[in-house]
Amino acid sequence: MDTLTAIHTRRSIRRYIDQPVPDALVERILRAAMAAPSACNQQPWEFVVIDAPDLIQEIPRFNPAAAPLETAPLAIVVCGNLQRQVPLAEGFWVQDCSAAIQNLLLAAHACGLGAVWLGGYPLQSLVDMVQKLVGLPEDVIPLAVIAVGYPSETKEAEDRFKPARIHHNRWSEGTLGKELESGKISDCS
């Protein structure tokens, strides 16, 4: 699968068939994750691969948004190791690990797997629960849990391109307001 096809056809998959993901595929998607760019080349990421069903099932018990893990044979906790920060790029672990997650999601899709990004950070209660569940040191922060497996659902590609969100040289005032007024987006209230 070429890169643009992977980007435009990848969707969040929340239901999986009962089939384990082979170690070779896990390594392949983690290699892709670790190929992500990072500030000052810190590569602050750490990954906890969970394939023990009892551990996977614990996460939806304290995080209702993690319901896709109820059918997932694999969970990958993507963490930032604060010990790898350098003064020039302190705090950039969030962007670095997010880039790694996007690579992981695209690689999973290209390998015929489904995956979904289940957030956690910056909600401290979720961070604390994941840290405790997988025994993370205090300075290793779980950014997100990724559910991975062979999909039991298919989703059509969706064109999300919105020209109104592109601004050239300077911000065009009123663009967001026009989208809210037209009902194209919600104000989340």
N, C-alpha and C. Protein backbone atom coordinates (compact mmCIF):
# COMPACT_ATOMS: atom_id res chain seq x y z
N MET A 1 0.85 -1.17 0.00
CA MET A 1 0.00 0.00 0.00
C MET A 1 0.90 1.23 0.00
N ASP A 2 0.64 2.15 -0.92
CA ASP A 2 1.47 3.35 -0.94
C ASP A 2 1.05 4.29 0.20
N THR A 3 1.91 5.24 0.50
CA THR A 3 1.71 6.11 1.66
C THR A 3 0.41 6.90 1.60
N LEU A 4 0.14 7.54 0.47
CA LEU A 4 -1.08 8.35 0.38
C LEU A 4 -2.34 7.51 0.48
N THR A 5 -2.32 6.32 -0.09
CA THR A 5 -3.48 5.43 0.05
C THR A 5 -3.68 5.06 1.51
N ALA A 6 -2.58 4.73 2.20
CA ALA A 6 -2.68 4.40 3.63
C ALA A 6 -3.26 5.56 4.42
N ILE A 7 -2.79 6.76 4.15
CA ILE A 7 -3.28 7.94 4.88
C ILE A 7 -4.76 8.15 4.63
N HIS A 8 -5.17 8.06 3.37
CA HIS A 8 -6.56 8.39 3.03
C HIS A 8 -7.56 7.28 3.30
N THR A 9 -7.10 6.05 3.50
CA THR A 9 -8.04 4.95 3.75
C THR A 9 -8.01 4.43 5.18
N ARG A 10 -7.04 4.87 5.99
CA ARG A 10 -6.97 4.43 7.38
C ARG A 10 -8.14 5.01 8.15
N ARG A 11 -8.80 4.17 8.91
CA ARG A 11 -9.91 4.61 9.75
C ARG A 11 -9.74 3.99 11.13
N SER A 12 -10.34 4.57 12.12
CA SER A 12 -10.31 4.01 13.47
C SER A 12 -11.20 2.78 13.51
N ILE A 13 -10.59 1.65 13.83
CA ILE A 13 -11.31 0.38 13.90
C ILE A 13 -11.49 0.04 15.37
N ARG A 14 -12.73 -0.24 15.74
CA ARG A 14 -13.07 -0.45 17.16
C ARG A 14 -13.56 -1.86 17.48
N ARG A 15 -13.65 -2.74 16.48
CA ARG A 15 -14.07 -4.13 16.71
C ARG A 15 -13.13 -5.06 15.95
N TYR A 16 -12.78 -6.16 16.61
CA TYR A 16 -11.76 -7.07 16.08
C TYR A 16 -12.23 -8.51 16.15
N ILE A 17 -11.68 -9.35 15.26
CA ILE A 17 -11.96 -10.78 15.33
C ILE A 17 -11.04 -11.41 16.37
N ASP A 18 -11.39 -12.59 16.80
CA ASP A 18 -10.64 -13.29 17.83
C ASP A 18 -9.46 -14.03 17.18
N GLN A 19 -8.41 -13.28 16.89
CA GLN A 19 -7.20 -13.84 16.28
C GLN A 19 -6.00 -13.04 16.77
N PRO A 20 -5.01 -13.71 17.32
CA PRO A 20 -3.83 -12.98 17.82
C PRO A 20 -3.04 -12.33 16.68
N VAL A 21 -2.35 -11.28 17.01
CA VAL A 21 -1.48 -10.59 16.06
C VAL A 21 -0.09 -11.20 16.18
N PRO A 22 0.47 -11.73 15.09
CA PRO A 22 1.78 -12.36 15.15
C PRO A 22 2.88 -11.39 15.59
N ASP A 23 3.85 -11.91 16.32
CA ASP A 23 4.96 -11.08 16.81
C ASP A 23 5.66 -10.34 15.68
N ALA A 24 5.78 -10.97 14.52
CA ALA A 24 6.46 -10.33 13.39
C ALA A 24 5.73 -9.05 12.96
N LEU A 25 4.39 -9.07 13.00
CA LEU A 25 3.63 -7.87 12.65
C LEU A 25 3.74 -6.81 13.74
N VAL A 26 3.75 -7.25 14.99
CA VAL A 26 3.92 -6.30 16.10
C VAL A 26 5.25 -5.58 15.94
N GLU A 27 6.31 -6.34 15.66
CA GLU A 27 7.62 -5.70 15.47
C GLU A 27 7.60 -4.75 14.28
N ARG A 28 6.93 -5.16 13.23
CA ARG A 28 6.88 -4.31 12.03
C ARG A 28 6.22 -2.96 12.31
N ILE A 29 5.10 -2.99 13.03
CA ILE A 29 4.43 -1.71 13.30
C ILE A 29 5.20 -0.88 14.33
N LEU A 30 5.90 -1.55 15.26
CA LEU A 30 6.70 -0.80 16.23
C LEU A 30 7.94 -0.20 15.56
N ARG A 31 8.50 -0.89 14.59
CA ARG A 31 9.62 -0.31 13.83
C ARG A 31 9.16 0.96 13.11
N ALA A 32 7.96 0.91 12.54
CA ALA A 32 7.41 2.09 11.86
C ALA A 32 7.19 3.21 12.88
N ALA A 33 6.68 2.88 14.05
CA ALA A 33 6.46 3.90 15.08
C ALA A 33 7.77 4.58 15.45
N MET A 34 8.82 3.79 15.60
CA MET A 34 10.11 4.34 16.01
C MET A 34 10.85 5.06 14.88
N ALA A 35 10.29 5.03 13.68
CA ALA A 35 10.88 5.78 12.56
C ALA A 35 10.35 7.21 12.53
N ALA A 36 9.50 7.57 13.48
CA ALA A 36 8.91 8.91 13.52
C ALA A 36 9.97 9.97 13.81
N PRO A 37 9.70 11.19 13.36
CA PRO A 37 10.60 12.29 13.72
C PRO A 37 10.46 12.64 15.19
N SER A 38 11.52 13.20 15.76
CA SER A 38 11.41 13.65 17.15
C SER A 38 12.32 14.87 17.35
N ALA A 39 11.88 15.76 18.24
CA ALA A 39 12.63 16.99 18.52
C ALA A 39 14.02 16.64 19.04
N CYS A 40 15.03 17.25 18.45
CA CYS A 40 16.43 17.02 18.83
C CYS A 40 16.79 15.54 18.80
N ASN A 41 16.06 14.77 18.01
CA ASN A 41 16.27 13.33 17.89
C ASN A 41 16.30 12.62 19.25
N GLN A 42 15.45 13.09 20.19
CA GLN A 42 15.41 12.50 21.53
C GLN A 42 14.85 11.08 21.54
N GLN A 43 13.91 10.81 20.62
CA GLN A 43 13.25 9.52 20.57
C GLN A 43 12.79 9.10 21.98
N PRO A 44 11.90 9.89 22.58
CA PRO A 44 11.52 9.66 23.97
C PRO A 44 10.53 8.52 24.19
N TRP A 45 10.14 7.85 23.12
CA TRP A 45 9.08 6.84 23.21
C TRP A 45 9.53 5.55 23.88
N GLU A 46 8.56 4.96 24.54
CA GLU A 46 8.66 3.62 25.11
C GLU A 46 7.32 2.97 24.79
N PHE A 47 7.31 1.67 24.57
CA PHE A 47 6.08 0.96 24.20
C PHE A 47 5.91 -0.24 25.12
N VAL A 48 4.73 -0.37 25.68
CA VAL A 48 4.39 -1.56 26.46
C VAL A 48 3.37 -2.34 25.64
N VAL A 49 3.77 -3.51 25.15
CA VAL A 49 2.90 -4.35 24.34
C VAL A 49 2.16 -5.29 25.30
N ILE A 50 0.85 -5.21 25.29
CA ILE A 50 0.02 -6.05 26.17
C ILE A 50 -0.75 -7.04 25.32
N ASP A 51 -0.48 -8.32 25.54
CA ASP A 51 -1.25 -9.36 24.85
C ASP A 51 -1.93 -10.30 25.85
N ALA A 52 -1.77 -10.02 27.13
CA ALA A 52 -2.45 -10.82 28.17
C ALA A 52 -3.89 -10.32 28.27
N PRO A 53 -4.87 -11.16 27.92
CA PRO A 53 -6.27 -10.71 27.92
C PRO A 53 -6.72 -10.10 29.24
N ASP A 54 -6.29 -10.64 30.38
CA ASP A 54 -6.74 -10.08 31.66
C ASP A 54 -6.26 -8.65 31.85
N LEU A 55 -5.04 -8.33 31.40
CA LEU A 55 -4.54 -6.95 31.50
C LEU A 55 -5.28 -6.03 30.53
N ILE A 56 -5.48 -6.51 29.32
CA ILE A 56 -6.20 -5.69 28.33
C ILE A 56 -7.59 -5.34 28.85
N GLN A 57 -8.28 -6.31 29.44
CA GLN A 57 -9.65 -6.10 29.92
C GLN A 57 -9.73 -5.16 31.12
N GLU A 58 -8.64 -4.95 31.82
CA GLU A 58 -8.64 -4.02 32.96
C GLU A 58 -8.82 -2.57 32.50
N ILE A 59 -8.28 -2.23 31.34
CA ILE A 59 -8.28 -0.83 30.90
C ILE A 59 -9.69 -0.28 30.70
N PRO A 60 -10.61 -0.97 30.01
CA PRO A 60 -11.97 -0.43 29.87
C PRO A 60 -12.71 -0.31 31.21
N ARG A 61 -12.24 -1.01 32.22
CA ARG A 61 -12.90 -0.91 33.54
C ARG A 61 -12.70 0.46 34.17
N PHE A 62 -11.56 1.10 33.89
CA PHE A 62 -11.34 2.44 34.45
C PHE A 62 -11.39 3.54 33.38
N ASN A 63 -11.47 3.15 32.12
CA ASN A 63 -11.57 4.13 31.04
C ASN A 63 -12.68 3.69 30.07
N PRO A 64 -13.89 4.21 30.26
CA PRO A 64 -15.01 3.80 29.41
C PRO A 64 -14.76 4.05 27.92
N ALA A 65 -13.92 5.02 27.57
CA ALA A 65 -13.62 5.29 26.17
C ALA A 65 -12.76 4.19 25.55
N ALA A 66 -12.25 3.30 26.37
CA ALA A 66 -11.39 2.21 25.89
C ALA A 66 -12.18 0.94 25.58
N ALA A 67 -13.47 1.06 25.36
CA ALA A 67 -14.31 -0.11 25.06
C ALA A 67 -13.80 -0.94 23.89
N PRO A 68 -13.13 -0.37 22.86
CA PRO A 68 -12.61 -1.21 21.78
C PRO A 68 -11.65 -2.31 22.26
N LEU A 69 -11.07 -2.14 23.43
CA LEU A 69 -10.16 -3.15 23.95
C LEU A 69 -10.90 -4.43 24.36
N GLU A 70 -12.21 -4.35 24.49
CA GLU A 70 -12.99 -5.54 24.88
C GLU A 70 -12.88 -6.66 23.85
N THR A 71 -12.60 -6.31 22.57
CA THR A 71 -12.44 -7.35 21.54
C THR A 71 -11.03 -7.38 20.95
N ALA A 72 -10.17 -6.47 21.39
CA ALA A 72 -8.81 -6.40 20.83
C ALA A 72 -7.89 -7.45 21.43
N PRO A 73 -7.14 -8.15 20.60
CA PRO A 73 -6.18 -9.13 21.12
C PRO A 73 -4.87 -8.50 21.56
N LEU A 74 -4.71 -7.20 21.27
CA LEU A 74 -3.44 -6.53 21.54
C LEU A 74 -3.69 -5.07 21.92
N ALA A 75 -2.94 -4.61 22.90
CA ALA A 75 -2.95 -3.19 23.27
C ALA A 75 -1.50 -2.74 23.33
N ILE A 76 -1.24 -1.56 22.83
CA ILE A 76 0.11 -0.99 22.90
C ILE A 76 0.00 0.34 23.64
N VAL A 77 0.69 0.42 24.77
CA VAL A 77 0.72 1.65 25.54
C VAL A 77 1.92 2.45 25.04
N VAL A 78 1.65 3.64 24.52
CA VAL A 78 2.72 4.51 24.01
C VAL A 78 3.04 5.53 25.08
N CYS A 79 4.29 5.53 25.50
CA CYS A 79 4.72 6.35 26.63
C CYS A 79 5.85 7.30 26.24
N GLY A 80 5.96 8.37 26.99
CA GLY A 80 7.09 9.29 26.86
C GLY A 80 7.98 9.15 28.07
N ASN A 81 9.27 8.93 27.82
CA ASN A 81 10.25 8.80 28.89
C ASN A 81 10.86 10.18 29.15
N LEU A 82 10.49 10.79 30.26
CA LEU A 82 10.94 12.15 30.56
C LEU A 82 12.45 12.23 30.80
N GLN A 83 13.09 11.11 31.07
CA GLN A 83 14.54 11.09 31.25
C GLN A 83 15.27 11.37 29.94
N ARG A 84 14.60 11.22 28.83
CA ARG A 84 15.23 11.43 27.52
C ARG A 84 15.09 12.87 27.04
N GLN A 85 14.48 13.73 27.82
CA GLN A 85 14.32 15.12 27.41
C GLN A 85 15.64 15.87 27.48
N VAL A 86 15.82 16.77 26.55
CA VAL A 86 16.97 17.68 26.58
C VAL A 86 16.41 19.08 26.76
N PRO A 87 17.16 19.98 27.37
CA PRO A 87 16.63 21.32 27.67
C PRO A 87 16.01 22.03 26.46
N LEU A 88 16.61 21.90 25.31
CA LEU A 88 16.11 22.60 24.12
C LEU A 88 14.74 22.08 23.68
N ALA A 89 14.42 20.84 24.00
CA ALA A 89 13.16 20.25 23.54
C ALA A 89 12.33 19.69 24.68
N GLU A 90 12.45 20.28 25.86
CA GLU A 90 11.70 19.80 27.01
C GLU A 90 10.20 19.94 26.76
N GLY A 91 9.46 18.89 27.02
CA GLY A 91 8.02 18.89 26.82
C GLY A 91 7.57 18.46 25.44
N PHE A 92 8.50 18.30 24.52
CA PHE A 92 8.14 17.90 23.17
C PHE A 92 7.86 16.41 23.05
N TRP A 93 7.96 15.67 24.15
CA TRP A 93 7.69 14.23 24.11
C TRP A 93 6.27 13.94 23.62
N VAL A 94 5.34 14.85 23.91
CA VAL A 94 3.95 14.63 23.49
C VAL A 94 3.86 14.62 21.96
N GLN A 95 4.49 15.61 21.31
CA GLN A 95 4.47 15.64 19.85
C GLN A 95 5.23 14.45 19.27
N ASP A 96 6.38 14.14 19.86
CA ASP A 96 7.19 13.03 19.36
C ASP A 96 6.42 11.71 19.44
N CYS A 97 5.81 11.46 20.57
CA CYS A 97 5.06 10.20 20.74
C CYS A 97 3.80 10.20 19.88
N SER A 98 3.21 11.36 19.65
CA SER A 98 2.05 11.45 18.76
C SER A 98 2.44 11.11 17.33
N ALA A 99 3.61 11.57 16.90
CA ALA A 99 4.10 11.22 15.56
C ALA A 99 4.34 9.71 15.48
N ALA A 100 4.87 9.12 16.54
CA ALA A 100 5.09 7.67 16.58
C ALA A 100 3.75 6.93 16.50
N ILE A 101 2.74 7.44 17.18
CA ILE A 101 1.41 6.81 17.14
C ILE A 101 0.84 6.86 15.72
N GLN A 102 0.96 8.00 15.07
CA GLN A 102 0.43 8.09 13.70
C GLN A 102 1.14 7.10 12.79
N ASN A 103 2.45 6.98 12.92
CA ASN A 103 3.18 5.98 12.12
C ASN A 103 2.67 4.58 12.43
N LEU A 104 2.46 4.30 13.71
CA LEU A 104 1.98 2.98 14.13
C LEU A 104 0.61 2.68 13.52
N LEU A 105 -0.29 3.66 13.56
CA LEU A 105 -1.63 3.47 13.01
C LEU A 105 -1.59 3.21 11.50
N LEU A 106 -0.76 3.96 10.80
CA LEU A 106 -0.64 3.78 9.35
C LEU A 106 -0.01 2.43 9.02
N ALA A 107 1.01 2.04 9.77
CA ALA A 107 1.66 0.75 9.54
C ALA A 107 0.70 -0.40 9.81
N ALA A 108 -0.08 -0.28 10.89
CA ALA A 108 -1.06 -1.33 11.19
C ALA A 108 -2.03 -1.48 10.02
N HIS A 109 -2.53 -0.38 9.51
CA HIS A 109 -3.46 -0.40 8.38
C HIS A 109 -2.81 -1.03 7.15
N ALA A 110 -1.58 -0.64 6.86
CA ALA A 110 -0.87 -1.18 5.70
C ALA A 110 -0.62 -2.68 5.83
N CYS A 111 -0.56 -3.17 7.07
CA CYS A 111 -0.34 -4.61 7.33
C CYS A 111 -1.64 -5.40 7.43
N GLY A 112 -2.77 -4.76 7.15
CA GLY A 112 -4.05 -5.46 7.20
C GLY A 112 -4.68 -5.52 8.58
N LEU A 113 -4.14 -4.75 9.50
CA LEU A 113 -4.68 -4.71 10.86
C LEU A 113 -5.57 -3.49 11.03
N GLY A 114 -6.39 -3.52 12.05
CA GLY A 114 -7.17 -2.36 12.43
C GLY A 114 -6.62 -1.85 13.75
N ALA A 115 -6.79 -0.55 13.99
CA ALA A 115 -6.29 0.04 15.23
C ALA A 115 -7.07 1.31 15.54
N VAL A 116 -7.05 1.68 16.81
CA VAL A 116 -7.67 2.94 17.22
C VAL A 116 -6.85 3.52 18.37
N TRP A 117 -6.69 4.83 18.33
CA TRP A 117 -5.96 5.60 19.33
C TRP A 117 -6.92 5.91 20.47
N LEU A 118 -6.62 5.40 21.66
CA LEU A 118 -7.44 5.63 22.84
C LEU A 118 -6.66 6.56 23.77
N GLY A 119 -7.13 7.78 23.89
CA GLY A 119 -6.41 8.79 24.66
C GLY A 119 -6.36 8.51 26.14
N GLY A 120 -5.48 9.18 26.79
CA GLY A 120 -5.32 9.09 28.24
C GLY A 120 -4.75 10.39 28.77
N TYR A 121 -3.50 10.67 28.42
CA TYR A 121 -2.85 11.92 28.80
C TYR A 121 -3.57 13.06 28.09
N PRO A 122 -3.83 14.16 28.78
CA PRO A 122 -3.34 14.65 30.05
C PRO A 122 -4.26 14.39 31.24
N LEU A 123 -5.25 13.49 31.10
CA LEU A 123 -6.13 13.21 32.23
C LEU A 123 -5.36 12.40 33.29
N GLN A 124 -5.03 13.06 34.39
CA GLN A 124 -4.14 12.46 35.39
C GLN A 124 -4.67 11.15 35.97
N SER A 125 -5.98 11.05 36.13
CA SER A 125 -6.53 9.80 36.68
C SER A 125 -6.25 8.63 35.74
N LEU A 126 -6.38 8.84 34.43
CA LEU A 126 -6.08 7.77 33.46
C LEU A 126 -4.59 7.47 33.41
N VAL A 127 -3.78 8.51 33.45
CA VAL A 127 -2.32 8.33 33.47
C VAL A 127 -1.93 7.47 34.67
N ASP A 128 -2.45 7.82 35.83
CA ASP A 128 -2.12 7.08 37.06
C ASP A 128 -2.54 5.61 36.97
N MET A 129 -3.74 5.36 36.44
CA MET A 129 -4.24 3.98 36.36
C MET A 129 -3.41 3.14 35.40
N VAL A 130 -3.05 3.71 34.24
CA VAL A 130 -2.23 2.96 33.27
C VAL A 130 -0.83 2.74 33.83
N GLN A 131 -0.26 3.77 34.46
CA GLN A 131 1.06 3.61 35.07
C GLN A 131 1.06 2.45 36.07
N LYS A 132 0.04 2.41 36.89
CA LYS A 132 -0.06 1.36 37.91
C LYS A 132 -0.27 -0.02 37.26
N LEU A 133 -1.17 -0.08 36.27
CA LEU A 133 -1.50 -1.35 35.64
C LEU A 133 -0.29 -2.03 35.02
N VAL A 134 0.55 -1.26 34.33
CA VAL A 134 1.69 -1.87 33.63
C VAL A 134 3.02 -1.61 34.34
N GLY A 135 2.97 -1.05 35.54
CA GLY A 135 4.17 -0.89 36.35
C GLY A 135 5.17 0.11 35.80
N LEU A 136 4.69 1.24 35.30
CA LEU A 136 5.60 2.24 34.74
C LEU A 136 6.30 3.03 35.85
N PRO A 137 7.55 3.39 35.62
CA PRO A 137 8.22 4.30 36.55
C PRO A 137 7.54 5.67 36.51
N GLU A 138 7.75 6.47 37.53
CA GLU A 138 7.12 7.78 37.64
C GLU A 138 7.43 8.71 36.48
N ASP A 139 8.63 8.59 35.92
CA ASP A 139 9.05 9.49 34.84
C ASP A 139 8.77 8.93 33.44
N VAL A 140 7.96 7.89 33.35
CA VAL A 140 7.50 7.37 32.06
C VAL A 140 5.99 7.57 32.03
N ILE A 141 5.55 8.46 31.14
CA ILE A 141 4.15 8.90 31.12
C ILE A 141 3.41 8.23 29.95
N PRO A 142 2.33 7.52 30.24
CA PRO A 142 1.55 6.93 29.15
C PRO A 142 0.73 8.01 28.44
N LEU A 143 1.01 8.18 27.15
CA LEU A 143 0.27 9.16 26.36
C LEU A 143 -1.07 8.59 25.89
N ALA A 144 -1.04 7.33 25.43
CA ALA A 144 -2.24 6.72 24.88
C ALA A 144 -2.09 5.21 24.85
N VAL A 145 -3.23 4.56 24.70
CA VAL A 145 -3.27 3.12 24.49
C VAL A 145 -3.83 2.92 23.09
N ILE A 146 -3.19 2.05 22.33
CA ILE A 146 -3.65 1.75 20.98
C ILE A 146 -4.21 0.34 20.98
N ALA A 147 -5.47 0.19 20.59
CA ALA A 147 -6.07 -1.14 20.41
C ALA A 147 -5.69 -1.60 19.01
N VAL A 148 -5.25 -2.86 18.89
CA VAL A 148 -4.80 -3.39 17.60
C VAL A 148 -5.36 -4.80 17.42
N GLY A 149 -5.76 -5.12 16.20
CA GLY A 149 -6.21 -6.47 15.89
C GLY A 149 -6.66 -6.57 14.45
N TYR A 150 -7.08 -7.76 14.08
CA TYR A 150 -7.66 -7.95 12.76
C TYR A 150 -9.09 -7.43 12.80
N PRO A 151 -9.44 -6.52 11.89
CA PRO A 151 -10.75 -5.88 11.97
C PRO A 151 -11.93 -6.81 11.71
N SER A 152 -13.01 -6.60 12.47
CA SER A 152 -14.26 -7.29 12.19
C SER A 152 -15.27 -6.30 11.61
N GLU A 153 -14.79 -5.12 11.29
CA GLU A 153 -15.64 -4.11 10.67
C GLU A 153 -14.83 -3.43 9.57
N THR A 154 -15.53 -2.90 8.58
CA THR A 154 -14.86 -2.13 7.54
C THR A 154 -15.51 -0.76 7.51
N LYS A 155 -14.71 0.21 7.18
CA LYS A 155 -15.21 1.58 7.09
C LYS A 155 -14.71 2.18 5.79
N GLU A 156 -15.58 2.92 5.16
CA GLU A 156 -15.23 3.58 3.90
C GLU A 156 -14.29 4.75 4.18
N ALA A 157 -13.46 5.06 3.20
CA ALA A 157 -12.60 6.23 3.28
C ALA A 157 -13.49 7.47 3.38
N GLU A 158 -12.98 8.46 4.04
CA GLU A 158 -13.76 9.68 4.25
C GLU A 158 -12.90 10.87 3.86
N ASP A 159 -13.42 11.73 3.00
CA ASP A 159 -12.68 12.92 2.58
C ASP A 159 -12.91 14.01 3.63
N ARG A 160 -11.88 14.34 4.36
CA ARG A 160 -11.99 15.35 5.42
C ARG A 160 -11.36 16.68 5.03
N PHE A 161 -11.02 16.83 3.77
CA PHE A 161 -10.38 18.06 3.30
C PHE A 161 -11.37 19.22 3.38
N LYS A 162 -10.95 20.29 4.04
CA LYS A 162 -11.79 21.47 4.21
C LYS A 162 -11.00 22.72 3.81
N PRO A 163 -11.18 23.18 2.59
CA PRO A 163 -10.42 24.34 2.12
C PRO A 163 -10.57 25.57 3.01
N ALA A 164 -11.71 25.71 3.68
CA ALA A 164 -11.93 26.89 4.53
C ALA A 164 -10.96 26.94 5.71
N ARG A 165 -10.29 25.83 5.99
CA ARG A 165 -9.35 25.80 7.11
C ARG A 165 -7.91 26.09 6.69
N ILE A 166 -7.74 26.47 5.45
CA ILE A 166 -6.41 26.80 4.93
C ILE A 166 -6.31 28.31 4.85
N HIS A 167 -5.28 28.85 5.42
CA HIS A 167 -5.07 30.29 5.44
C HIS A 167 -3.71 30.56 4.79
N HIS A 168 -3.65 31.54 3.92
CA HIS A 168 -2.41 31.85 3.23
C HIS A 168 -1.82 33.14 3.77
N ASN A 169 -0.61 33.05 4.23
CA ASN A 169 0.19 34.17 4.73
C ASN A 169 -0.31 34.76 6.04
N ARG A 170 -1.58 34.96 6.19
CA ARG A 170 -2.15 35.51 7.43
C ARG A 170 -3.48 34.83 7.69
N TRP A 171 -3.94 34.91 8.92
CA TRP A 171 -5.23 34.33 9.31
C TRP A 171 -6.35 35.12 8.64
N SER A 172 -7.29 34.42 8.04
CA SER A 172 -8.48 35.06 7.47
C SER A 172 -9.53 35.07 8.55
N GLU A 173 -9.81 36.23 9.09
CA GLU A 173 -10.74 36.32 10.20
C GLU A 173 -12.13 35.89 9.78
N GLY A 174 -12.85 35.29 10.72
CA GLY A 174 -14.23 34.93 10.49
C GLY A 174 -14.45 33.53 9.93
N THR A 175 -13.40 32.83 9.52
CA THR A 175 -13.58 31.51 8.92
C THR A 175 -14.25 30.56 9.90
N LEU A 176 -13.77 30.50 11.14
CA LEU A 176 -14.35 29.60 12.13
C LEU A 176 -15.80 29.98 12.42
N GLY A 177 -16.05 31.27 12.56
CA GLY A 177 -17.40 31.73 12.82
C GLY A 177 -18.37 31.33 11.71
N LYS A 178 -17.93 31.42 10.46
CA LYS A 178 -18.78 31.05 9.33
C LYS A 178 -19.10 29.56 9.36
N GLU A 179 -18.10 28.73 9.73
CA GLU A 179 -18.34 27.29 9.81
C GLU A 179 -19.32 26.96 10.93
N LEU A 180 -19.21 27.67 12.07
CA LEU A 180 -20.14 27.44 13.17
C LEU A 180 -21.57 27.83 12.76
N GLU A 181 -21.69 29.01 12.13
CA GLU A 181 -23.01 29.49 11.71
C GLU A 181 -23.66 28.58 10.69
N SER A 182 -22.87 28.01 9.79
CA SER A 182 -23.42 27.16 8.73
C SER A 182 -23.77 25.76 9.24
N GLY A 183 -23.34 25.44 10.46
CA GLY A 183 -23.61 24.12 11.01
C GLY A 183 -22.61 23.06 10.57
N LYS A 184 -21.56 23.47 9.84
CA LYS A 184 -20.55 22.51 9.39
C LYS A 184 -19.77 21.92 10.54
N ILE A 185 -19.63 22.66 11.62
CA ILE A 185 -18.98 22.14 12.81
C ILE A 185 -19.79 22.53 14.03
N SER A 186 -19.57 21.80 15.09
CA SER A 186 -20.28 22.04 16.34
C SER A 186 -19.36 22.80 17.30
N ASP A 187 -19.94 23.59 18.17
CA ASP A 187 -19.11 24.28 19.17
C ASP A 187 -18.90 23.43 20.40
N CYS A 188 -19.35 22.17 20.37
CA CYS A 188 -19.16 21.19 21.46
C CYS A 188 -19.84 21.57 22.77
N SER A 189 -20.77 22.51 22.74
CA SER A 189 -21.42 22.90 24.00
C SER A 189 -22.68 22.12 24.22
